[in-house]
Protein backbone atom coordinates (compact mmCIF):
# COMPACT_ATOMS: atom_id res chain seq x y z
CA MET A 1 -75.98 49.24 24.47
CA MET A 2 -75.02 45.58 24.53
CA GLU A 3 -71.41 46.43 23.82
CA GLU A 4 -71.33 48.88 26.73
CA ARG A 5 -72.66 46.22 29.10
CA MET A 6 -69.99 43.80 27.97
CA GLY A 7 -67.25 46.27 28.99
CA ASN A 8 -63.73 45.17 27.95
CA CYS A 9 -64.78 41.80 26.59
CA TRP A 10 -63.33 41.04 23.19
CA SER A 11 -66.53 40.40 21.24
CA TYR A 12 -70.10 39.19 21.41
CA THR A 13 -71.01 37.77 18.01
CA LYS A 14 -70.36 34.52 16.26
CA ASP A 15 -68.05 35.94 13.60
CA GLN A 16 -65.86 37.48 16.30
CA PHE A 17 -65.81 34.12 18.05
CA ASP A 18 -64.23 32.60 14.93
CA ASN A 19 -61.75 35.46 14.68
CA LEU A 20 -60.73 35.02 18.31
CA GLU A 21 -60.16 31.34 17.63
CA LYS A 22 -57.75 32.27 14.84
CA HIS A 23 -56.06 34.92 16.98
CA THR A 24 -55.41 32.62 19.94
CA GLN A 25 -54.07 29.94 17.58
CA SER A 26 -51.60 32.45 16.13
CA GLY A 27 -50.58 33.27 19.73
CA ILE A 28 -49.75 29.62 20.37
CA GLU A 29 -47.77 29.48 17.13
CA PHE A 30 -45.83 32.56 18.25
CA VAL A 31 -44.83 30.85 21.52
CA GLU A 32 -43.72 27.78 19.57
CA ARG A 33 -41.69 29.99 17.22
CA TYR A 34 -40.03 31.79 20.12
CA SER A 35 -39.24 28.49 21.80
CA LYS A 36 -37.65 27.26 18.57
CA PHE A 37 -35.56 30.45 18.43
CA VAL A 38 -34.22 29.88 21.96
CA LYS A 39 -33.50 26.23 21.11
CA GLU A 40 -31.39 27.25 18.10
CA ARG A 41 -29.54 29.82 20.23
CA SER A 42 -28.80 27.09 22.78
CA ASP A 43 -27.45 24.83 20.02
CA ILE A 44 -25.22 27.66 18.79
CA GLU A 45 -23.84 28.18 22.31
CA ILE A 46 -23.07 24.46 22.67
CA SER A 47 -21.37 24.35 19.27
CA TYR A 48 -19.39 27.53 20.02
CA ALA A 49 -18.28 26.20 23.41
CA LYS A 50 -17.18 22.95 21.80
CA GLN A 51 -15.14 24.76 19.16
CA ILE A 52 -13.53 27.00 21.80
CA ARG A 53 -12.61 23.96 23.92
CA ASN A 54 -11.13 22.19 20.89
CA LEU A 55 -9.13 25.32 20.03
CA SER A 56 -7.77 25.52 23.58
CA LYS A 57 -6.93 21.81 23.55
CA LYS A 58 -5.27 22.03 20.12
CA TYR A 59 -2.74 24.63 21.29
CA GLN A 60 -2.04 23.08 24.69
CA PRO A 61 1.62 21.98 24.91
CA LYS A 62 2.11 18.29 24.21
CA LYS A 63 3.90 16.08 26.73
CA ASN A 64 7.60 15.46 26.13
CA SER A 65 7.64 17.99 23.33
CA ARG A 66 9.57 21.10 22.56
CA GLU A 67 6.49 23.19 23.36
CA GLU A 68 6.47 21.85 26.90
CA GLU A 69 10.17 22.75 27.21
CA GLU A 70 9.40 26.30 26.12
CA ASN A 71 6.89 26.80 28.96
CA LYS A 72 9.72 28.04 31.15
CA TYR A 73 9.46 31.38 29.31
CA THR A 74 6.99 33.96 30.64
CA SER A 75 5.42 34.51 27.21
CA CYS A 76 4.75 30.78 26.82
CA ARG A 77 3.34 30.53 30.34
CA ALA A 78 1.13 33.54 29.62
CA PHE A 79 -0.18 31.85 26.49
CA LEU A 80 -0.86 28.67 28.49
CA SER A 81 -2.79 30.72 31.06
CA THR A 82 -4.76 32.32 28.24
CA LEU A 83 -5.65 28.86 26.89
CA ASN A 84 -6.82 27.76 30.36
CA GLU A 85 -8.91 30.90 30.76
CA LEU A 86 -10.34 30.33 27.28
CA ASN A 87 -11.37 26.84 28.35
CA ASP A 88 -13.20 28.33 31.35
CA TYR A 89 -14.73 30.91 29.01
CA ALA A 90 -16.11 28.07 26.88
CA GLY A 91 -17.62 26.56 30.02
CA GLN A 92 -19.68 29.71 30.57
CA HIS A 93 -21.23 29.34 27.13
CA GLU A 94 -22.15 25.80 28.08
CA VAL A 95 -23.82 27.26 31.20
CA ILE A 96 -25.77 29.67 28.97
CA ALA A 97 -26.98 26.78 26.81
CA GLU A 98 -27.94 24.73 29.87
CA ASN A 99 -29.88 27.61 31.47
CA LEU A 100 -31.66 28.46 28.22
CA THR A 101 -32.81 24.86 28.00
CA SER A 102 -33.92 24.47 31.63
CA GLN A 103 -35.36 27.93 32.28
CA ILE A 104 -36.99 28.72 28.94
CA ILE A 105 -37.26 25.82 26.50
CA THR A 106 -38.45 23.22 29.02
CA GLU A 107 -40.79 25.67 30.77
CA LEU A 108 -42.32 26.93 27.52
CA SER A 109 -42.83 23.37 26.32
CA ARG A 110 -44.78 22.53 29.47
CA TYR A 111 -46.71 25.82 29.31
CA LEU A 112 -47.67 25.24 25.67
CA THR A 113 -49.25 21.94 26.60
CA GLU A 114 -51.31 23.63 29.32
CA LEU A 115 -52.17 26.58 27.05
CA LYS A 116 -53.48 24.36 24.26
CA ALA A 117 -55.63 22.39 26.71
CA GLU A 118 -57.09 25.57 28.26
CA ARG A 119 -57.82 27.10 24.88
CA LYS A 120 -59.50 23.93 23.70
CA SER A 121 -61.73 23.88 26.82
CA HIS A 122 -62.83 27.51 26.41
CA PHE A 123 -63.69 27.15 22.75
CA HIS A 124 -65.53 23.92 23.51
CA ASP A 125 -67.71 25.79 26.02
CA GLY A 126 -68.22 28.58 23.50
CA ARG A 127 -69.32 26.22 20.75
CA LYS A 128 -71.64 24.42 23.17
CA ALA A 129 -73.32 27.73 24.17
CA GLN A 130 -73.58 28.71 20.51
CA GLN A 131 -75.24 25.40 19.64
CA GLN A 132 -77.65 25.82 22.57
CA ILE A 133 -78.85 29.25 21.46
CA GLU A 134 -79.14 28.07 17.88
CA SER A 135 -81.25 25.10 19.03
CA LEU A 136 -83.61 27.42 20.99
CA TRP A 137 -83.88 29.67 17.99
CA LYS A 138 -84.95 26.75 15.82
CA GLN A 139 -87.55 25.71 18.41
CA LEU A 140 -88.88 29.28 18.52
CA GLU A 141 -89.13 29.44 14.75
CA SER A 142 -90.90 26.09 14.65
CA SER A 143 -93.46 27.11 17.30
CA LYS A 144 -94.02 30.40 15.51
CA ARG A 145 -94.71 28.66 12.21
CA ARG A 146 -97.04 26.18 13.95
CA PHE A 147 -98.94 29.03 15.67
CA GLU A 148 -99.30 30.78 12.31
CA ARG A 149 -100.58 27.62 10.67
CA ASP A 150 -103.06 26.88 13.48
CA CYS A 151 -104.39 30.43 13.34
CA LYS A 152 -105.01 30.12 9.61
CA GLU A 153 -106.76 26.78 10.16
CA ALA A 154 -108.96 28.32 12.86
CA ASP A 155 -109.92 31.19 10.53
CA ARG A 156 -110.87 28.80 7.74
CA ALA A 157 -112.94 26.66 10.15
CA GLN A 158 -114.73 29.77 11.45
CA GLN A 159 -115.55 30.94 7.92
CA TYR A 160 -116.84 27.47 7.01
CA PHE A 161 -119.10 27.44 10.11
CA GLU A 162 -120.50 30.85 9.25
CA ARG A 163 -121.29 29.75 5.70
CA MET A 164 -122.96 26.58 6.95
CA ASP A 165 -124.99 28.51 9.53
CA ALA A 166 -126.24 30.99 6.89
CA ASP A 167 -127.25 28.28 4.44
CA ILE A 168 -130.92 27.24 4.96
CA ASN A 169 -130.43 24.06 3.05
CA VAL A 170 -127.89 22.69 5.50
CA THR A 171 -129.13 20.48 8.25
CA LYS A 172 -128.81 21.45 11.84
CA ALA A 173 -126.43 18.56 12.48
CA ASP A 174 -124.01 19.76 9.85
CA VAL A 175 -124.07 23.25 11.27
CA GLU A 176 -123.36 21.89 14.74
CA LYS A 177 -120.51 19.83 13.37
CA ALA A 178 -119.01 22.87 11.65
CA ARG A 179 -119.35 24.90 14.84
CA GLN A 180 -117.51 22.23 16.87
CA GLN A 181 -114.78 22.04 14.26
CA ALA A 182 -114.31 25.80 14.40
CA GLN A 183 -114.14 25.76 18.18
CA MET A 184 -111.52 22.97 18.09
CA ARG A 185 -109.39 24.92 15.62
CA HIS A 186 -109.59 28.02 17.76
CA GLN A 187 -108.49 25.99 20.76
CA ILE A 188 -105.56 24.54 18.86
CA ALA A 189 -104.58 28.03 17.72
CA ALA A 190 -104.81 29.24 21.30
CA ASP A 191 -102.56 26.38 22.47
CA SER A 192 -100.06 27.13 19.69
CA LYS A 193 -100.09 30.76 20.73
CA THR A 194 -99.37 29.79 24.30
CA GLU A 195 -96.57 27.48 23.21
CA TYR A 196 -95.08 30.12 20.92
CA SER A 197 -95.25 32.64 23.73
CA ASN A 198 -93.46 30.26 26.09
CA TYR A 199 -90.73 29.50 23.55
CA LEU A 200 -90.30 33.17 22.83
CA THR A 201 -89.92 33.98 26.52
CA LYS A 202 -87.48 31.13 27.00
CA PHE A 203 -85.44 32.10 23.94
CA ASN A 204 -85.23 35.73 25.02
CA GLN A 205 -84.05 34.65 28.43
CA GLU A 206 -81.50 32.22 26.98
CA GLN A 207 -80.37 34.77 24.41
CA ASN A 208 -79.91 37.36 27.11
CA GLU A 209 -77.97 34.79 29.20
CA HIS A 210 -75.92 33.81 26.15
CA TYR A 211 -74.86 37.29 25.07
CA TYR A 212 -74.61 38.94 28.45
CA THR A 213 -73.29 36.12 30.62
CA LEU A 214 -72.03 32.95 28.91
CA ILE A 215 -70.22 34.39 25.90
CA PRO A 216 -68.74 37.35 27.84
CA ASN A 217 -67.46 34.93 30.49
CA ILE A 218 -65.92 32.66 27.87
CA PHE A 219 -64.37 35.62 26.05
CA GLN A 220 -63.11 36.99 29.35
CA LYS A 221 -61.38 33.68 30.10
CA LEU A 222 -59.88 33.67 26.60
CA GLN A 223 -58.71 37.22 27.12
CA GLU A 224 -57.11 36.35 30.47
CA MET A 225 -55.51 33.28 28.88
CA GLU A 226 -54.07 35.40 26.07
CA GLU A 227 -52.80 38.03 28.49
CA ARG A 228 -51.11 35.32 30.57
CA ARG A 229 -49.52 33.99 27.39
CA ILE A 230 -48.17 37.41 26.48
CA GLU A 231 -46.91 37.94 30.03
CA ARG A 232 -45.25 34.51 29.97
CA VAL A 233 -43.45 35.35 26.72
CA GLY A 234 -42.28 38.61 28.27
CA VAL A 235 -40.89 36.75 31.30
CA SER A 236 -39.10 34.31 28.98
CA MET A 237 -37.56 37.18 27.03
CA LYS A 238 -36.35 38.74 30.27
CA THR A 239 -34.93 35.39 31.38
CA TYR A 240 -33.21 35.13 27.99
CA ALA A 241 -31.28 38.31 28.79
CA GLU A 242 -30.66 37.37 32.45
CA VAL A 243 -29.11 34.05 31.45
CA ASP A 244 -26.38 35.99 29.64
CA ARG A 245 -26.10 38.54 32.42
CA GLU A 246 -25.51 35.88 35.08
CA VAL A 247 -22.31 34.61 33.44
CA LEU A 248 -20.87 38.06 32.70
CA PRO A 249 -18.97 38.27 36.05
CA ILE A 250 -17.25 34.93 35.41
CA VAL A 251 -16.60 35.83 31.77
CA GLY A 252 -15.11 39.08 33.05
CA LYS A 253 -12.84 37.12 35.38
CA CYS A 254 -11.71 34.98 32.46
CA LEU A 255 -10.88 38.08 30.45
CA ASP A 256 -9.15 39.62 33.48
CA GLY A 257 -7.10 36.41 33.77
CA MET A 258 -6.06 36.74 30.13
CA THR A 259 -5.08 40.37 30.71
CA LYS A 260 -3.15 39.45 33.85
CA ALA A 261 -1.36 36.68 31.95
CA ALA A 262 -0.37 39.14 29.23
CA GLU A 263 0.89 41.61 31.83
CA SER A 264 3.00 38.89 33.45
CA ILE A 265 5.24 38.63 30.37
CA GLU A 266 8.75 39.82 31.23
CA PRO A 267 11.15 40.11 28.28
CA LYS A 268 14.16 40.50 30.56
CA THR A 269 13.29 37.33 32.45
CA ASP A 270 12.90 35.40 29.19
CA SER A 271 16.24 36.70 27.97
CA LYS A 272 17.83 35.58 31.22
CA GLN A 273 16.20 32.18 30.82
CA VAL A 274 17.70 31.87 27.32
CA VAL A 275 21.13 32.49 28.82
CA GLU A 276 20.52 29.86 31.50
CA SER A 277 19.26 27.36 28.95
CA TYR A 278 22.00 27.70 26.35
CA LYS A 279 25.00 28.89 28.39
CA SER A 280 27.79 26.51 27.36
CA GLY A 281 30.44 27.30 29.98
CA PHE A 282 33.16 27.67 27.35
CA GLU A 283 35.58 30.54 27.63
CA PRO A 284 35.79 32.92 24.66
CA PRO A 285 38.88 32.51 22.47
CA GLY A 286 41.99 34.48 23.35
CA ASP A 287 43.56 37.23 21.28
CA VAL A 288 45.16 36.21 17.99
CA GLU A 289 48.93 36.76 18.06
CA PHE A 290 50.49 39.06 15.53
CA GLU A 291 52.64 37.17 13.04
CA ASP A 292 55.27 39.18 11.24
CA TYR A 293 55.62 38.13 7.61
CA GLY A 294 58.29 40.71 6.81
CA PRO A 295 61.68 40.08 5.16
CA GLY A 296 63.64 37.32 6.81
CA GLN A 297 60.60 36.02 8.74
CA THR A 298 59.32 32.50 8.38
CA MET A 299 55.57 32.15 7.98
CA LYS A 300 54.04 29.96 10.67
CA ARG A 301 51.90 27.17 9.37
CA THR A 302 50.39 26.12 12.66
CA VAL A 303 47.32 27.53 14.26
CA SER A 304 47.88 29.63 17.36
CA GLU A 305 46.65 28.13 20.57
CA THR A 306 44.96 31.41 21.29
CA SER A 307 43.09 31.41 17.98
CA LEU A 308 39.46 30.54 17.32
CA SER A 309 40.27 26.85 16.93
CA ASN A 310 41.62 26.65 20.51
CA SER A 311 39.23 28.89 22.37
CA ARG A 312 40.17 27.67 25.83
CA GLY A 313 43.79 26.71 25.26
CA GLU A 314 42.85 23.04 25.32
CA ALA A 315 45.19 21.97 22.53
CA LYS A 316 47.43 19.26 23.83
CA GLU A 317 50.54 17.76 22.33
CA ARG A 318 49.92 14.34 20.84
CA PRO A 319 52.54 11.59 21.05
CA GLY A 320 53.48 12.02 17.41
CA GLY A 321 54.35 15.66 17.82
CA GLY A 322 50.97 16.95 16.60
CA LYS A 323 48.20 18.59 18.58
CA SER A 324 44.74 17.38 19.37
CA LYS A 325 42.23 19.63 17.78
CA GLY A 326 40.55 22.27 19.93
CA LYS A 327 36.95 23.51 20.09
CA LEU A 328 35.43 25.84 17.57
CA TRP A 329 33.67 28.03 20.11
CA PRO A 330 31.04 29.87 18.01
CA PHE A 331 30.08 26.81 15.97
CA ILE A 332 29.68 23.74 18.16
CA LYS A 333 28.29 20.65 16.46
CA ASN A 334 28.37 17.10 17.67
CA LYS A 335 27.53 13.98 15.75
CA ASN A 336 26.06 12.40 18.88
CA LYS A 337 23.65 15.27 19.53
CA GLY A 338 20.56 13.18 19.04
CA SER A 339 21.67 10.24 21.16
CA GLY A 340 24.73 11.29 23.15
CA PRO A 341 26.73 9.28 25.68
CA GLU A 342 25.31 8.49 29.08
CA ASP A 343 27.46 11.09 30.87
CA PHE A 344 26.31 13.85 28.44
CA SER A 345 29.95 14.55 27.62
CA HIS A 346 28.90 15.66 24.15
CA LEU A 347 27.27 18.76 25.69
CA PRO A 348 28.93 22.03 26.73
CA PRO A 349 29.90 22.14 30.44
CA GLU A 350 26.98 24.22 31.68
CA GLN A 351 24.38 22.26 29.72
CA ARG A 352 26.02 19.01 30.81
CA ARG A 353 25.78 20.08 34.45
CA LYS A 354 22.06 20.80 34.09
CA LYS A 355 21.39 17.48 32.37
CA LEU A 356 23.31 15.54 35.03
CA GLN A 357 21.50 17.36 37.84
CA ALA A 358 18.11 16.67 36.22
CA LYS A 359 19.04 13.01 35.78
CA ILE A 360 20.05 12.74 39.46
CA ASP A 361 16.76 14.33 40.54
CA ASP A 362 14.76 11.87 38.42
CA ILE A 363 16.63 8.86 39.83
CA ASN A 364 16.13 10.12 43.40
CA LYS A 365 12.39 10.35 42.74
CA ASP A 366 12.42 6.75 41.50
CA ILE A 367 14.34 5.69 44.62
CA GLN A 368 11.82 7.41 46.88
CA LYS A 369 8.96 5.75 45.03
CA GLU A 370 10.56 2.31 45.37
CA MET A 371 11.22 2.91 49.08
CA ASP A 372 7.61 3.96 49.67
CA GLN A 373 6.37 0.80 47.95
CA LYS A 374 8.85 -1.28 49.94
CA ASP A 375 7.61 0.25 53.22
CA ALA A 376 4.01 -0.50 52.24
CA LEU A 377 4.84 -4.13 51.43
CA THR A 378 6.78 -4.47 54.69
CA LYS A 379 3.74 -3.29 56.63
CA MET A 380 1.55 -5.67 54.66
CA LYS A 381 3.89 -8.55 55.52
CA GLY A 382 3.67 -7.60 59.20
CA VAL A 383 -0.13 -7.71 59.01
CA TYR A 384 0.00 -11.12 57.33
CA GLU A 385 2.34 -12.41 60.07
CA LYS A 386 -0.08 -11.28 62.79
CA ASN A 387 -3.15 -12.43 60.88
CA PRO A 388 -2.26 -15.46 58.73
CA GLN A 389 -5.88 -15.77 57.55
CA MET A 390 -5.45 -12.53 55.57
CA GLY A 391 -2.54 -13.81 53.48
CA ASP A 392 0.76 -15.64 53.28
CA PRO A 393 3.73 -13.49 54.49
CA ALA A 394 6.10 -15.48 52.26
CA SER A 395 4.22 -14.31 49.15
CA VAL A 396 5.55 -10.77 49.70
CA ASP A 397 9.22 -11.74 49.99
CA PRO A 398 10.02 -12.05 46.23
CA ARG A 399 8.67 -8.57 45.62
CA LEU A 400 10.63 -7.14 48.56
CA VAL A 401 13.84 -8.70 47.25
CA GLU A 402 13.15 -7.26 43.80
CA MET A 403 12.55 -3.80 45.25
CA ALA A 404 15.74 -3.96 47.30
CA MET A 405 17.72 -4.82 44.17
CA ASN A 406 16.04 -1.98 42.28
CA ILE A 407 16.88 0.49 45.05
CA GLU A 408 20.49 -0.67 45.14
CA LYS A 409 20.74 -0.36 41.37
CA LEU A 410 19.25 3.14 41.41
CA GLN A 411 21.56 4.24 44.22
CA SER A 412 24.50 3.03 42.17
CA GLU A 413 23.21 5.08 39.25
CA VAL A 414 22.98 8.15 41.47
CA GLN A 415 26.57 7.73 42.63
CA LYS A 416 27.72 7.39 39.05
CA PHE A 417 25.97 10.55 37.89
CA GLU A 418 27.03 12.45 41.02
CA GLY A 419 30.64 11.57 40.18
CA TRP A 420 30.25 13.01 36.70
CA LEU A 421 28.51 16.08 38.15
CA ALA A 422 31.34 16.59 40.65
CA GLU A 423 33.81 16.37 37.76
CA VAL A 424 31.95 19.04 35.84
CA GLU A 425 31.71 21.31 38.87
CA GLY A 426 35.41 20.86 39.58
CA ARG A 427 35.03 19.05 42.88
CA LEU A 428 36.87 15.98 41.54
CA PRO A 429 39.88 15.72 39.26
CA SER A 430 39.16 15.06 35.63
CA ARG A 431 39.06 11.48 34.53
CA SER A 432 41.94 10.10 32.48
CA ASP A 433 39.69 9.65 29.50
CA PRO A 434 40.91 10.34 26.00
CA PRO A 435 40.00 13.78 24.70
CA ARG A 436 36.27 13.98 23.88
CA ARG A 437 35.37 14.30 20.27
CA GLN A 438 34.25 17.83 19.54
CA SER A 439 33.79 19.85 16.42
CA GLY A 440 36.69 22.11 15.51
CA LEU A 441 39.39 22.77 12.95
CA TYR A 442 41.81 20.17 11.70
CA GLU A 443 45.39 20.64 12.93
CA SER A 444 48.42 19.37 11.15
CA GLN A 445 50.78 16.79 12.60
CA ASN A 446 53.46 18.06 10.27
CA SER A 447 53.61 21.79 9.69
CA ASN A 448 55.33 21.26 6.33
CA SER A 449 52.34 19.30 4.97
CA THR A 450 49.65 21.81 5.83
CA MET A 451 48.35 24.85 4.11
CA VAL A 452 46.48 27.81 5.54
CA ASP A 453 43.72 29.48 3.67
CA ASN A 454 42.54 32.76 5.19
CA ASN A 455 39.06 33.68 4.05
CA CYS A 456 36.85 36.46 5.21
CA ALA A 457 33.97 35.08 7.28
CA GLN A 458 30.60 35.87 5.88
CA ASP A 459 27.53 36.62 7.89
CA ARG A 460 25.03 35.21 5.43
CA GLU A 461 21.46 36.20 5.99
CA SER A 462 18.80 33.67 5.03
CA PRO A 463 15.71 34.68 3.06
CA ASP A 464 13.63 34.70 6.29
CA GLY A 465 16.01 37.25 7.90
CA SER A 466 18.01 34.95 10.17
CA TYR A 467 21.79 34.58 10.10
CA THR A 468 22.84 31.10 9.12
CA GLU A 469 26.60 31.30 9.70
CA GLU A 470 27.39 32.18 13.31
CA GLN A 471 31.15 32.73 13.00
CA SER A 472 31.89 36.41 13.74
CA SER A 473 35.68 36.60 13.44
CA GLU A 474 37.34 38.29 10.51
CA THR A 475 39.25 35.25 9.30
CA GLN A 476 38.54 31.56 9.12
CA VAL A 477 41.36 29.06 9.01
CA LYS A 478 40.95 25.88 7.04
CA VAL A 479 43.77 23.38 7.48
CA ALA A 480 43.85 20.42 5.13
CA ILE A 481 45.70 17.33 6.17
CA ALA A 482 47.77 15.91 3.35
CA ASN A 483 49.83 13.09 4.78
CA THR A 484 48.37 12.32 8.20
CA PRO A 485 46.03 9.33 8.22
CA GLU A 486 45.22 9.80 11.88
CA PHE A 487 43.34 12.78 13.22
CA ASP A 488 40.76 13.30 15.95
CA ASP A 489 37.73 14.77 14.26
CA GLU A 490 34.07 13.97 14.57
CA PHE A 491 33.48 14.33 10.84
CA ASP A 492 35.85 11.43 10.13
CA ASP A 493 33.43 8.52 9.80
CA GLY A 494 36.12 5.88 9.34
CA ASP A 495 35.83 4.61 12.91
CA GLU A 496 32.12 5.29 13.47
CA GLU A 497 28.90 3.69 12.40
CA THR A 498 27.18 5.44 9.50
CA LEU A 499 23.93 7.10 10.61
CA PRO A 500 20.77 5.92 8.81
CA THR A 501 18.69 8.32 6.76
CA ILE A 502 15.40 9.51 8.28
CA GLY A 503 14.04 11.30 5.22
CA THR A 504 14.94 13.50 2.28
CA CYS A 505 15.15 17.21 1.66
CA LYS A 506 15.27 19.60 -1.26
CA ALA A 507 17.50 22.68 -1.27
CA VAL A 508 15.33 25.78 -1.67
CA TYR A 509 18.38 28.07 -1.85
CA SER A 510 22.06 27.56 -2.61
CA PHE A 511 24.43 27.45 0.38
CA GLU A 512 28.22 27.58 0.43
CA GLY A 513 29.45 25.60 3.42
CA HIS A 514 32.58 27.43 4.50
CA ASN A 515 32.38 26.44 8.19
CA GLU A 516 33.72 23.21 9.63
CA GLY A 517 31.05 20.53 9.56
CA THR A 518 28.86 22.20 6.92
CA ILE A 519 28.26 21.05 3.37
CA SER A 520 27.66 23.10 0.22
CA VAL A 521 24.38 22.61 -1.64
CA THR A 522 22.87 24.07 -4.78
CA GLU A 523 19.30 25.19 -5.30
CA GLY A 524 17.00 22.28 -6.21
CA GLU A 525 19.48 19.59 -5.09
CA LEU A 526 18.03 16.50 -3.37
CA LEU A 527 19.83 15.11 -0.31
CA PHE A 528 19.24 12.58 2.47
CA VAL A 529 18.39 13.78 6.00
CA ILE A 530 20.30 11.94 8.76
CA GLU A 531 19.64 14.26 11.72
CA GLN A 532 16.75 16.67 12.33
CA ASP A 533 17.00 20.26 13.47
CA LYS A 534 17.47 20.19 17.27
CA GLY A 535 16.39 23.79 17.72
CA ASP A 536 19.64 25.48 16.65
CA GLY A 537 18.61 26.14 13.02
CA TRP A 538 20.77 23.41 11.39
CA THR A 539 19.84 20.10 9.74
CA ARG A 540 22.37 17.33 9.07
CA VAL A 541 22.26 15.90 5.53
CA ARG A 542 24.19 13.43 3.36
CA ARG A 543 24.93 13.60 -0.35
CA ASN A 544 26.71 10.27 -0.57
CA VAL A 545 28.70 7.92 1.65
CA GLU A 546 31.63 10.32 1.92
CA GLU A 547 29.89 13.72 1.84
CA GLU A 548 27.71 14.82 4.75
CA GLY A 549 27.40 17.87 6.95
CA TYR A 550 25.05 20.58 8.24
CA VAL A 551 22.96 23.04 6.24
CA PRO A 552 20.67 25.84 7.49
CA THR A 553 17.18 24.45 8.09
CA SER A 554 15.64 27.53 6.48
CA TYR A 555 17.49 26.69 3.22
CA VAL A 556 15.90 23.26 2.72
CA GLU A 557 12.46 21.69 2.60
CA VAL A 558 12.48 18.48 4.68
CA PHE A 559 10.37 15.39 3.96
CA LEU A 560 10.62 12.88 6.80
CA GLU A 561 9.81 9.27 5.95
CA THR A 562 9.72 6.45 8.46
CA ASN A 563 10.69 3.78 5.93
CA THR A 564 13.38 5.66 4.00
CA LYS A 565 16.30 3.40 3.14
CA ASP A 566 19.83 4.37 3.94
CA SER A 567 21.84 5.78 1.10
């Protein structure tokens, strides 16, 4: 009956009170555990975002590097766009971590503090009510025992009076005394009865109040507190999912950006860019003339001007009757590749034109910058002249003079490079400079002192699948000079400064250097590196003071050392 009156209240006895205390404590521990879970998820998101950002930064092209140069290709630009989108993608994971912290972790931490205080208050009220009813129960038991004792005392006093009254030997005074004692005991018993009755009534009222009002109210508050806790956890779990859902549109845009970047790759455009980047401007070699070696014919010992060694017919007669060497069109190497002359004359015509144009553009930007600074200083000087208290106008003059000299110097540089550019583009006649030093075949000054060795050109394929020898003609002419001390060739180091070594290398495979400017190496041989691979697949090495040349980069393992001594 009591349970029906209490309705949906959790419990109504002391043992259940203790169980509810344990249950609500486990509820608090659950909230703390869930909060810890969200905190660890937030830490994971921060760590993941950091790693993604570092990955994006690691593969970003470095300034003034070959990677930055390659960004003109659509595939490289697409990869750069992907890295940028990946960086934004990492930012969304940082947003997730931030929202998890602000919307769940911080809120749950504050709610836990309030929850613990509320729980403590309710159980304090419950214990106080329990102590109150226990105190009334003890008072009731005490009054009951006192009433029982007083009743027994009254009975004994009554029996003693009756014995005294029946005894004829007892004086009348003693009988009267016994009668008064009995009456007093009966009165005390009656008072104890009244007190016991009052305590019993009070206890029953308090007990009824305790079990039907106080405890149910306290349990109801605990129940409402627990239900609010469960609801709060549910809201946090929903927020946990919404935090991810909120960033999905932006994450989707990042992924769409990556897809769009991939779709922007155009192989044909990249191929065209390769042509624009490496187009030399040289004309292909002319047809090789047929030489009849039949009976009565004299074998020619000179190289035809239309052959591979004179691809553009540039061979010119030298004063001594010989010819200046021509260009070897498919295999162009230049000793000054790393640090060429100021006019870029070591480059092919088309590449030289691009370099000169880029140099002119850079100088014009510097001129514009100097002119802007000069205009600013001129205005400042005018302000100083009108308002002397702001500054001395004469203090600006030295800087203005310096800027004017810089502008004049830069304009002179522009004119110089524009002259070279006009020469390359054919707007001005060629300068009367001696023939530029270019790689090619040696030509004899005396046809009787030369020998021709026709060898079949080999298209050697390196272990990684790339072709290392680019010559595609059927024959290769090697002309050795026997008696001519003078010849114009870039591999003659007699009149040039010996390049210092920048490291060492070990030949991984053997290589037979048939082409002009190459050097033969054997597997396992150690050589000195004097010029790094410039992107064309060849590394320049030296065996000793007199032997140096190019080898395929894929055939050697290079070890660059900053303090390597020259050989």
